[in-house]
Amino acid sequence: MELHNLSPAKGSTRKRKRIARGQGSGRGGTSTRGHKGAKSRSGYKRKRNFEGGQMPLQMRLPKVGFNSPNRTEYFTINLDQLAEFAEKHGVTNIDASVLIEKRYIKKNDKVKILGRGELGKKLDVKVHACSASAKAAIESKGGAVNII
């Protein structure tokens, strides 16, 4: 056995189909594509969600809801979390820069104070938004709320 007389095992290889090489090849004419229709044409590519001309499911279903492009997302902090933060870090003046420095919020977050829980001491808060109940609770302890 030499390199020049090596050959693959019998039946392990097949000749490739030579499509569209005349009627004599047995694969001329329609070239294995069947008769007419979009799939027989050159350049055919089925579109995503195409259902054969039937109205696609995504267009049959009703449209629901609305997302406002002008909505502002706030990072919410409740009074109990605020009190815990103030005690843990020993601060009485809380604003966005302090929260960012302590890695409590990210640089571009807007902060809103909500009214769950209670405060133990006076706090001065400077935030983007505050609920009425939270504002009342902070001011009842002698603190102040400044909206940025």
C-alpha atoms as a PDB file:
ATOM      1  CA  MET A   1       0.000   0.000   0.000  1.00  0.00           C
ATOM      2  CA  GLU A   2       1.408   3.352  -1.075  1.00  0.00           C
ATOM      3  CA  LEU A   3       0.080   6.901  -0.948  1.00  0.00           C
ATOM      4  CA  HIS A   4      -0.757   6.885  -4.639  1.00  0.00           C
ATOM      5  CA  ASN A   5      -3.037   3.875  -4.418  1.00  0.00           C
ATOM      6  CA  LEU A   6      -5.059   4.860  -1.312  1.00  0.00           C
ATOM      7  CA  SER A   7      -8.790   5.270  -1.891  1.00  0.00           C
ATOM      8  CA  PRO A   8     -11.843   5.715   0.355  1.00  0.00           C
ATOM      9  CA  ALA A   9     -13.849   2.638   1.396  1.00  0.00           C
ATOM     10  CA  LYS A  10     -16.493   1.473  -1.045  1.00  0.00           C
ATOM     11  CA  GLY A  11     -19.818   3.308  -0.534  1.00  0.00           C
ATOM     12  CA  SER A  12     -18.354   5.938   1.836  1.00  0.00           C
ATOM     13  CA  THR A  13     -18.375   8.758  -0.723  1.00  0.00           C
ATOM     14  CA  ARG A  14     -20.971  10.041  -3.171  1.00  0.00           C
ATOM     15  CA  LYS A  15     -20.784  12.257  -6.216  1.00  0.00           C
ATOM     16  CA  ARG A  16     -22.335  15.686  -5.715  1.00  0.00           C
ATOM     17  CA  LYS A  17     -25.681  16.494  -7.385  1.00  0.00           C
ATOM     18  CA  ARG A  18     -25.038  18.538 -10.535  1.00  0.00           C
ATOM     19  CA  ILE A  19     -28.273  20.507 -10.752  1.00  0.00           C
ATOM     20  CA  ALA A  20     -29.443  22.403 -13.861  1.00  0.00           C
ATOM     21  CA  ARG A  21     -27.075  20.699 -16.300  1.00  0.00           C
ATOM     22  CA  GLY A  22     -29.624  19.689 -18.906  1.00  0.00           C
ATOM     23  CA  GLN A  23     -32.402  17.124 -19.245  1.00  0.00           C
ATOM     24  CA  GLY A  24     -29.979  14.241 -19.666  1.00  0.00           C
ATOM     25  CA  SER A  25     -28.691  14.682 -16.114  1.00  0.00           C
ATOM     26  CA  GLY A  26     -32.150  13.923 -14.693  1.00  0.00           C
ATOM     27  CA  ARG A  27     -31.989  17.189 -12.752  1.00  0.00           C
ATOM     28  CA  GLY A  28     -32.552  19.715 -15.515  1.00  0.00           C
ATOM     29  CA  GLY A  29     -35.825  21.524 -16.219  1.00  0.00           C
ATOM     30  CA  THR A  30     -37.096  22.660 -12.829  1.00  0.00           C
ATOM     31  CA  SER A  31     -33.781  21.734 -11.173  1.00  0.00           C
ATOM     32  CA  THR A  32     -35.362  19.976  -8.165  1.00  0.00           C
ATOM     33  CA  ARG A  33     -37.367  23.111  -7.238  1.00  0.00           C
ATOM     34  CA  GLY A  34     -40.820  21.896  -8.256  1.00  0.00           C
ATOM     35  CA  HIS A  35     -43.139  23.981 -10.428  1.00  0.00           C
ATOM     36  CA  LYS A  36     -43.622  27.757 -10.160  1.00  0.00           C
ATOM     37  CA  GLY A  37     -44.228  29.632  -6.901  1.00  0.00           C
ATOM     38  CA  ALA A  38     -41.957  31.883  -4.887  1.00  0.00           C
ATOM     39  CA  LYS A  39     -39.685  29.067  -3.704  1.00  0.00           C
ATOM     40  CA  SER A  40     -38.792  28.139  -7.298  1.00  0.00           C
ATOM     41  CA  ARG A  41     -37.561  31.648  -8.170  1.00  0.00           C
ATOM     42  CA  SER A  42     -33.998  32.843  -7.879  1.00  0.00           C
ATOM     43  CA  GLY A  43     -33.266  35.154  -4.972  1.00  0.00           C
ATOM     44  CA  TYR A  44     -36.036  33.647  -2.849  1.00  0.00           C
ATOM     45  CA  LYS A  45     -35.680  34.272   0.873  1.00  0.00           C
ATOM     46  CA  ARG A  46     -38.592  33.787   3.263  1.00  0.00           C
ATOM     47  CA  LYS A  47     -39.219  36.822   5.461  1.00  0.00           C
ATOM     48  CA  ARG A  48     -39.244  36.370   9.234  1.00  0.00           C
ATOM     49  CA  ASN A  49     -42.832  35.841  10.526  1.00  0.00           C
ATOM     50  CA  PHE A  50     -44.100  35.258   6.964  1.00  0.00           C
ATOM     51  CA  GLU A  51     -47.134  32.981   7.082  1.00  0.00           C
ATOM     52  CA  GLY A  52     -47.715  32.338   3.394  1.00  0.00           C
ATOM     53  CA  GLY A  53     -49.708  35.502   2.778  1.00  0.00           C
ATOM     54  CA  GLN A  54     -52.034  34.889   5.739  1.00  0.00           C
ATOM     55  CA  MET A  55     -52.210  37.855   8.142  1.00  0.00           C
ATOM     56  CA  PRO A  56     -49.293  37.259  10.550  1.00  0.00           C
ATOM     57  CA  LEU A  57     -50.062  36.553  14.203  1.00  0.00           C
ATOM     58  CA  GLN A  58     -48.243  39.673  15.362  1.00  0.00           C
ATOM     59  CA  MET A  59     -50.555  41.822  13.196  1.00  0.00           C
ATOM     60  CA  ARG A  60     -53.720  39.890  14.174  1.00  0.00           C
ATOM     61  CA  LEU A  61     -53.318  40.543  17.892  1.00  0.00           C
ATOM     62  CA  PRO A  62     -54.630  43.807  19.379  1.00  0.00           C
ATOM     63  CA  LYS A  63     -52.174  46.510  20.317  1.00  0.00           C
ATOM     64  CA  VAL A  64     -52.063  47.122  24.069  1.00  0.00           C
ATOM     65  CA  GLY A  65     -50.556  49.798  26.288  1.00  0.00           C
ATOM     66  CA  PHE A  66     -48.355  52.810  25.825  1.00  0.00           C
ATOM     67  CA  ASN A  67     -44.820  53.665  26.922  1.00  0.00           C
ATOM     68  CA  SER A  68     -44.285  57.367  27.351  1.00  0.00           C
ATOM     69  CA  PRO A  69     -40.972  58.568  25.909  1.00  0.00           C
ATOM     70  CA  ASN A  70     -40.966  61.390  28.477  1.00  0.00           C
ATOM     71  CA  ARG A  71     -41.288  59.225  31.604  1.00  0.00           C
ATOM     72  CA  THR A  72     -38.677  59.864  34.313  1.00  0.00           C
ATOM     73  CA  GLU A  73     -37.444  56.809  36.207  1.00  0.00           C
ATOM     74  CA  TYR A  74     -36.567  57.432  39.863  1.00  0.00           C
ATOM     75  CA  PHE A  75     -34.425  55.417  42.244  1.00  0.00           C
ATOM     76  CA  THR A  76     -36.769  55.143  45.234  1.00  0.00           C
ATOM     77  CA  ILE A  77     -35.616  55.290  48.847  1.00  0.00           C
ATOM     78  CA  ASN A  78     -38.060  54.841  51.730  1.00  0.00           C
ATOM     79  CA  LEU A  79     -37.724  56.678  55.051  1.00  0.00           C
ATOM     80  CA  ASP A  80     -36.605  53.548  56.914  1.00  0.00           C
ATOM     81  CA  GLN A  81     -33.833  52.965  54.345  1.00  0.00           C
ATOM     82  CA  LEU A  82     -32.861  56.644  54.589  1.00  0.00           C
ATOM     83  CA  ALA A  83     -32.638  56.427  58.395  1.00  0.00           C
ATOM     84  CA  GLU A  84     -30.548  53.248  58.142  1.00  0.00           C
ATOM     85  CA  PHE A  85     -28.220  54.900  55.604  1.00  0.00           C
ATOM     86  CA  ALA A  86     -27.806  58.017  57.776  1.00  0.00           C
ATOM     87  CA  GLU A  87     -26.999  55.952  60.861  1.00  0.00           C
ATOM     88  CA  LYS A  88     -24.607  53.602  59.062  1.00  0.00           C
ATOM     89  CA  HIS A  89     -22.586  56.403  57.445  1.00  0.00           C
ATOM     90  CA  GLY A  90     -23.083  59.044  60.166  1.00  0.00           C
ATOM     91  CA  VAL A  91     -24.501  61.787  57.938  1.00  0.00           C
ATOM     92  CA  THR A  92     -27.317  64.297  58.499  1.00  0.00           C
ATOM     93  CA  ASN A  93     -27.134  66.109  55.143  1.00  0.00           C
ATOM     94  CA  ILE A  94     -28.087  63.671  52.412  1.00  0.00           C
ATOM     95  CA  ASP A  95     -27.908  64.536  48.723  1.00  0.00           C
ATOM     96  CA  ALA A  96     -27.193  62.722  45.469  1.00  0.00           C
ATOM     97  CA  SER A  97     -23.405  63.256  45.699  1.00  0.00           C
ATOM     98  CA  VAL A  98     -23.256  61.530  49.132  1.00  0.00           C
ATOM     99  CA  LEU A  99     -25.350  58.608  47.848  1.00  0.00           C
ATOM    100  CA  ILE A 100     -23.109  58.283  44.775  1.00  0.00           C
ATOM    101  CA  GLU A 101     -19.942  58.461  46.874  1.00  0.00           C
ATOM    102  CA  LYS A 102     -21.174  55.656  49.149  1.00  0.00           C
ATOM    103  CA  ARG A 103     -22.165  53.641  46.036  1.00  0.00           C
ATOM    104  CA  TYR A 104     -25.829  53.585  47.025  1.00  0.00           C
ATOM    105  CA  ILE A 105     -26.952  54.956  43.640  1.00  0.00           C
ATOM    106  CA  LYS A 106     -25.361  55.360  40.204  1.00  0.00           C
ATOM    107  CA  LYS A 107     -24.171  58.658  38.739  1.00  0.00           C
ATOM    108  CA  ASN A 108     -27.201  59.322  36.500  1.00  0.00           C
ATOM    109  CA  ASP A 109     -29.933  58.085  38.879  1.00  0.00           C
ATOM    110  CA  LYS A 110     -32.645  60.492  40.004  1.00  0.00           C
ATOM    111  CA  VAL A 111     -33.701  59.982  43.639  1.00  0.00           C
ATOM    112  CA  LYS A 112     -37.229  60.000  45.076  1.00  0.00           C
ATOM    113  CA  ILE A 113     -38.000  59.675  48.785  1.00  0.00           C
ATOM    114  CA  LEU A 114     -41.085  57.631  49.725  1.00  0.00           C
ATOM    115  CA  GLY A 115     -42.933  57.552  53.058  1.00  0.00           C
ATOM    116  CA  ARG A 116     -42.575  53.954  54.349  1.00  0.00           C
ATOM    117  CA  GLY A 117     -41.030  53.661  57.806  1.00  0.00           C
ATOM    118  CA  GLU A 118     -40.006  56.279  60.362  1.00  0.00           C
ATOM    119  CA  LEU A 119     -37.076  58.580  60.987  1.00  0.00           C
ATOM    120  CA  GLY A 120     -35.148  58.607  64.252  1.00  0.00           C
ATOM    121  CA  LYS A 121     -33.448  61.984  63.892  1.00  0.00           C
ATOM    122  CA  LYS A 122     -33.402  65.259  61.964  1.00  0.00           C
ATOM    123  CA  LEU A 123     -32.210  64.963  58.365  1.00  0.00           C
ATOM    124  CA  ASP A 124     -31.633  67.550  55.642  1.00  0.00           C
ATOM    125  CA  VAL A 125     -32.366  65.953  52.281  1.00  0.00           C
ATOM    126  CA  LYS A 126     -31.665  67.267  48.765  1.00  0.00           C
ATOM    127  CA  VAL A 127     -33.283  65.030  46.130  1.00  0.00           C
ATOM    128  CA  HIS A 128     -35.056  65.105  42.757  1.00  0.00           C
ATOM    129  CA  ALA A 129     -38.539  64.205  44.090  1.00  0.00           C
ATOM    130  CA  CYS A 130     -40.301  63.448  47.357  1.00  0.00           C
ATOM    131  CA  SER A 131     -43.747  62.140  48.272  1.00  0.00           C
ATOM    132  CA  ALA A 132     -46.021  64.292  50.446  1.00  0.00           C
ATOM    133  CA  SER A 133     -46.018  61.792  53.334  1.00  0.00           C
ATOM    134  CA  ALA A 134     -42.206  61.551  53.298  1.00  0.00           C
ATOM    135  CA  LYS A 135     -41.863  65.343  53.239  1.00  0.00           C
ATOM    136  CA  ALA A 136     -44.245  65.670  56.196  1.00  0.00           C
ATOM    137  CA  ALA A 137     -42.339  63.003  58.174  1.00  0.00           C
ATOM    138  CA  ILE A 138     -38.947  64.643  57.545  1.00  0.00           C
ATOM    139  CA  GLU A 139     -40.220  68.128  58.410  1.00  0.00           C
ATOM    140  CA  SER A 140     -41.961  66.866  61.573  1.00  0.00           C
ATOM    141  CA  LYS A 141     -38.514  65.829  62.903  1.00  0.00           C
ATOM    142  CA  GLY A 142     -37.200  69.352  62.156  1.00  0.00           C
ATOM    143  CA  GLY A 143     -35.428  68.408  58.920  1.00  0.00           C
ATOM    144  CA  ALA A 144     -35.717  69.997  55.492  1.00  0.00           C
ATOM    145  CA  VAL A 145     -36.446  68.723  52.013  1.00  0.00           C
ATOM    146  CA  ASN A 146     -34.959  70.519  49.001  1.00  0.00           C
ATOM    147  CA  ILE A 147     -36.059  69.490  45.518  1.00  0.00           C
ATOM    148  CA  ILE A 148     -33.274  69.717  42.920  1.00  0.00           C
END
